[in-house]
Protein backbone atom coordinates (compact mmCIF):
# COMPACT_ATOMS: atom_id res chain seq x y z
CA MET A 1 -41.84 -2.21 108.64
CA GLN A 2 -43.12 -1.98 105.30
CA ILE A 3 -41.17 0.94 104.76
CA LEU A 4 -37.81 -0.88 105.28
CA LYS A 5 -38.72 -3.67 103.44
CA THR A 6 -39.25 -1.50 100.54
CA GLU A 7 -36.09 0.32 100.99
CA ASN A 8 -34.10 -3.22 101.18
CA LYS A 9 -35.70 -4.12 98.00
CA LYS A 10 -34.35 -1.10 96.36
CA SER A 11 -30.93 -1.69 97.55
CA ASN A 12 -31.03 -4.94 96.60
CA ILE A 13 -32.01 -3.79 92.99
CA LEU A 14 -30.02 -1.03 92.21
CA PRO A 15 -26.29 -3.13 91.95
CA LEU A 16 -28.19 -5.68 89.78
CA PHE A 17 -29.17 -2.62 87.65
CA ALA A 18 -25.86 -1.28 87.78
CA VAL A 19 -24.41 -4.71 86.32
CA ALA A 20 -27.12 -5.09 83.33
CA THR A 21 -27.04 -1.63 82.51
CA PHE A 22 -22.51 -2.17 82.05
CA GLY A 23 -23.50 -5.79 80.27
CA ILE A 24 -25.73 -3.90 77.83
CA ASN A 25 -23.20 -0.97 77.06
CA VAL A 26 -20.40 -3.43 76.73
CA LEU A 27 -22.16 -5.39 74.13
CA ALA A 28 -23.12 -2.35 72.08
CA LEU A 29 -19.65 -1.47 72.22
CA LEU A 30 -18.90 -5.35 70.54
CA LEU A 31 -21.77 -4.37 68.20
CA LEU A 32 -20.53 -1.28 66.88
CA MET A 33 -16.80 -2.82 66.41
CA PHE A 34 -18.61 -5.68 64.50
CA HIS A 35 -20.45 -3.70 62.55
CA GLY A 36 -17.71 -1.22 61.87
CA SER A 37 -15.50 -4.55 60.66
CA MET A 38 -18.35 -5.80 58.58
CA LEU A 39 -18.60 -2.08 57.07
CA ALA A 40 -14.83 -1.89 56.21
CA ALA A 41 -14.73 -5.44 54.36
CA LEU A 42 -17.77 -4.43 52.73
CA LYS A 43 -16.25 -1.13 51.45
CA LYS A 44 -12.91 -2.86 50.58
CA GLN A 45 -15.41 -5.84 48.33
CA LEU A 46 -17.64 -3.10 46.60
CA THR A 47 -14.56 -0.99 45.18
CA PRO A 48 -12.34 -3.61 44.16
CA GLN A 49 -8.91 -2.03 42.94
CA SER A 50 -6.51 -4.15 40.26
CA LEU A 51 -3.48 -3.69 38.12
CA VAL A 52 -4.88 -1.94 34.93
CA GLN A 53 -2.70 -3.05 32.25
CA LEU A 54 -3.16 -1.10 28.65
CA ILE A 55 -2.90 -2.60 25.00
CA ASP A 56 -0.11 -0.39 24.68
CA GLY A 57 1.56 -1.70 27.29
CA GLN A 58 1.00 1.15 29.97
CA ALA A 59 0.49 0.17 33.62
CA ILE A 60 -1.44 1.68 36.09
CA THR A 61 -1.43 0.65 39.76
CA VAL A 62 -4.46 0.59 41.51
CA ASP A 63 -4.64 -2.67 43.74
CA PRO A 64 -2.64 -2.69 47.04
CA LYS A 65 -2.82 -6.52 46.78
CA PRO A 66 -0.45 -8.80 45.12
CA SER A 67 -0.74 -9.60 41.92
CA PHE A 68 1.46 -11.91 39.53
CA GLU A 69 -0.14 -11.61 36.12
CA ARG A 70 1.39 -9.02 33.62
CA HIS A 71 0.65 -8.73 30.11
CA PRO A 72 3.73 -9.71 27.87
CA GLU A 73 3.94 -5.98 26.21
CA THR A 74 3.80 -4.60 30.02
CA ILE A 75 6.92 -6.63 30.83
CA ARG A 76 8.52 -5.73 27.16
CA ARG A 77 7.71 -2.27 27.74
CA PHE A 78 8.94 -2.03 31.38
CA VAL A 79 12.36 -3.60 30.07
CA GLY A 80 12.87 -0.79 27.11
CA GLU A 81 12.37 2.45 28.88
CA THR A 82 13.86 1.43 31.99
CA MET A 83 16.99 0.02 29.89
CA SER A 84 16.79 3.35 28.09
CA LEU A 85 16.11 5.67 30.74
CA MET A 86 19.30 4.05 32.44
CA LEU A 87 21.49 4.42 29.37
CA THR A 88 20.34 7.87 28.19
CA TRP A 89 23.02 10.93 29.13
CA SER A 90 23.69 14.17 28.23
CA GLU A 91 24.68 17.22 30.09
CA LYS A 92 21.49 18.03 31.40
CA GLN A 93 20.78 14.43 32.16
CA PRO A 94 23.87 13.12 33.83
CA PRO A 95 24.38 9.22 34.25
CA LYS A 96 24.46 9.70 38.09
CA VAL A 97 20.97 11.38 38.41
CA VAL A 98 19.60 8.65 35.52
CA TRP A 99 21.41 5.74 37.79
CA ASP A 100 19.84 7.12 40.89
CA ILE A 101 16.22 6.73 39.46
CA SER A 102 16.63 3.73 37.35
CA SER A 103 18.58 1.58 39.81
CA GLN A 104 15.53 1.35 41.87
CA MET A 105 13.98 -0.72 39.17
CA LEU A 106 16.37 -3.60 40.01
CA SER A 107 17.33 -5.63 42.69
CA ASN A 108 20.01 -4.66 45.27
CA ASN A 109 21.98 -7.82 44.19
CA ILE A 110 22.95 -6.63 40.82
CA GLN A 111 22.60 -2.83 41.58
CA GLN A 112 26.70 -2.62 41.79
CA LYS A 113 27.33 -5.48 39.19
CA LEU A 114 25.32 -3.44 36.78
CA LEU A 115 26.80 -0.15 37.75
CA LEU A 116 30.41 -1.38 37.20
CA GLU A 117 29.61 -2.45 33.47
CA LEU A 118 28.00 0.92 32.77
CA THR A 119 30.82 2.94 34.52
CA ASN A 120 33.34 0.59 31.38
CA LEU A 121 30.47 1.81 29.00
CA LYS A 122 31.61 5.33 29.22
CA ALA A 123 35.04 4.77 27.81
CA GLY A 124 36.87 4.97 31.56
CA SER A 125 35.40 8.15 32.30
CA GLN A 126 33.92 9.12 35.68
CA PHE A 127 30.08 7.96 36.05
CA GLU A 128 29.06 11.05 38.08
CA THR A 129 29.98 13.59 35.10
CA ILE A 130 29.72 14.13 31.69
CA ASN A 131 32.01 16.11 29.17
CA ARG A 132 30.33 19.23 27.32
CA GLY A 133 28.49 18.47 24.18
CA SER A 134 28.85 14.65 24.66
CA GLU A 135 25.60 12.52 24.37
CA TYR A 136 24.87 9.02 25.28
CA VAL A 137 21.77 7.18 23.46
CA LEU A 138 20.53 3.74 23.52
CA VAL A 139 18.81 2.16 20.79
CA ILE A 140 16.79 -0.65 20.88
CA ASP A 141 16.90 -3.33 18.22
CA SER A 142 14.55 -5.52 19.57
CA ILE A 143 13.12 -6.89 22.93
CA SER A 144 11.73 -10.88 22.41
CA GLN A 145 8.28 -12.11 23.67
CA PRO A 146 8.74 -12.85 27.64
CA THR A 147 9.64 -16.57 28.70
CA LYS A 148 7.56 -17.63 32.05
CA ILE A 149 10.06 -19.00 34.37
CA ALA A 150 7.84 -19.53 37.04
CA GLU A 151 4.82 -17.64 38.67
CA GLY A 152 5.58 -14.17 38.75
CA THR A 153 9.16 -14.40 36.76
CA TRP A 154 10.19 -14.06 33.19
CA LYS A 155 13.08 -13.57 30.80
CA VAL A 156 13.35 -11.62 28.15
CA GLU A 157 16.18 -11.11 25.36
CA LEU A 158 17.32 -7.61 24.79
CA PHE A 159 19.55 -6.38 21.62
CA ALA A 160 20.35 -2.78 21.41
CA HIS A 161 23.30 -0.53 20.87
CA GLN A 162 24.53 2.48 22.66
CA LEU A 163 25.48 5.69 20.71
CA SER A 164 27.76 8.27 21.98
CA PHE A 165 28.24 11.74 20.13
CA THR A 166 30.65 14.73 21.22
CA ASN A 167 31.00 17.69 19.71
CA TYR A 168 34.22 16.71 17.80
CA ASP A 169 32.38 13.37 16.58
CA LYS A 170 29.08 13.93 14.99
CA LEU A 171 29.19 10.31 13.59
CA GLY A 172 29.26 8.69 16.99
CA GLU A 173 30.81 5.47 17.88
CA SER A 174 28.52 2.39 19.14
CA ASN A 175 29.11 0.25 21.66
CA SER A 176 26.33 -3.30 21.58
CA PHE A 177 24.55 -3.62 25.09
CA ASN A 178 23.14 -7.06 24.14
CA LYS A 179 21.56 -8.81 27.49
CA GLN A 180 19.26 -11.34 28.70
CA ILE A 181 17.31 -9.63 31.25
CA PHE A 182 15.19 -11.45 34.10
CA ILE A 183 12.07 -9.89 35.83
CA LYS A 184 9.83 -10.38 38.50
CA ALA A 185 6.50 -8.88 39.68
CA VAL A 186 6.46 -7.16 43.04
CA ASP A 187 3.56 -6.19 45.43
CA GLU A 188 4.68 -2.34 45.38
CA SER A 189 6.82 0.13 43.95
CA ALA A 190 10.11 0.98 45.14
CA ILE A 191 9.89 4.66 43.12
CA SER A 192 8.62 7.64 45.53
CA LEU A 193 8.70 11.22 43.84
CA PRO A 194 11.02 14.52 45.18
CA GLU A 195 8.80 17.43 46.22
CA LYS A 196 10.11 18.82 42.72
CA PRO A 197 10.31 16.31 40.38
CA LEU A 198 12.11 16.54 37.14
CA PRO A 199 11.06 14.73 34.03
CA TRP A 200 12.93 11.74 34.46
CA HIS A 201 11.89 11.78 37.93
CA LEU A 202 8.44 11.54 36.32
CA ALA A 203 9.56 8.94 34.09
CA GLY A 204 10.85 6.37 36.82
CA TYR A 205 7.63 6.93 38.80
CA ARG A 206 5.65 5.90 35.74
CA LEU A 207 7.79 2.98 35.52
CA GLY A 208 7.31 1.97 38.82
CA GLU A 209 3.80 1.41 38.47
CA ALA A 210 3.98 -1.73 36.69
CA ARG A 211 5.27 -3.14 39.88
CA LEU A 212 7.95 -5.16 37.85
CA GLU A 213 11.63 -5.26 39.09
CA ILE A 214 14.72 -6.56 37.23
CA TYR A 215 16.48 -9.16 39.40
CA ASN A 216 19.48 -10.11 37.21
CA ILE A 217 21.11 -9.28 33.86
CA CYS A 218 23.78 -11.22 31.52
CA ASP A 219 25.56 -11.52 28.91
CA ILE A 220 23.15 -12.52 25.62
CA LYS A 221 25.50 -15.40 25.26
CA ASP A 222 25.61 -16.48 28.65
CA LYS A 223 24.48 -20.31 29.19
CA ASN A 224 24.72 -20.39 32.70
CA CYS A 225 22.43 -17.28 33.40
CA SER A 226 19.40 -17.81 35.18
């Protein structure tokens, strides 16, 4: 009789033991998940990243978080180098190639408008090709200090002219390019490198590290531009 009671007690304890063991395992799993999330957050705090803006205006992106502050020289350098890349053409650096790269620094809503204007700068010839011996160079006269419009948006005034040369015209012709340029900060760069990047691909990628975008371009005398 005593043996039977002992066996009954054991049989009653086993389900409770199984439930308790399962509960402990679940609790341990939850603790591991909690500790994992805490470690990930701690690691993020201990290794903060930020947008590094050098004194000469060069920018190095090392922060995935949004940042809406930019040094004035970073903005001026971004505008100057972007427009220089976009408007400097040669047989080895065709307009269509540099446009495909530099246009990634523009908002989608102004790309078609500016492309039409650049095509007209090329004296009616096709934008995809360039004559042998022809060269086009953008010469920047001045870029104003950025005027802050709102949080993360600025305006600069660009005064420049594009010189065009051919084998038959070494003196060249000049077309003015005086613009109001509106810039905004973006969270991520839209520039990506191909597997075998050319020098202008690398130039575009470096410009994209500033995490800036040109969202409007108007004539310097346009009073209604915003």
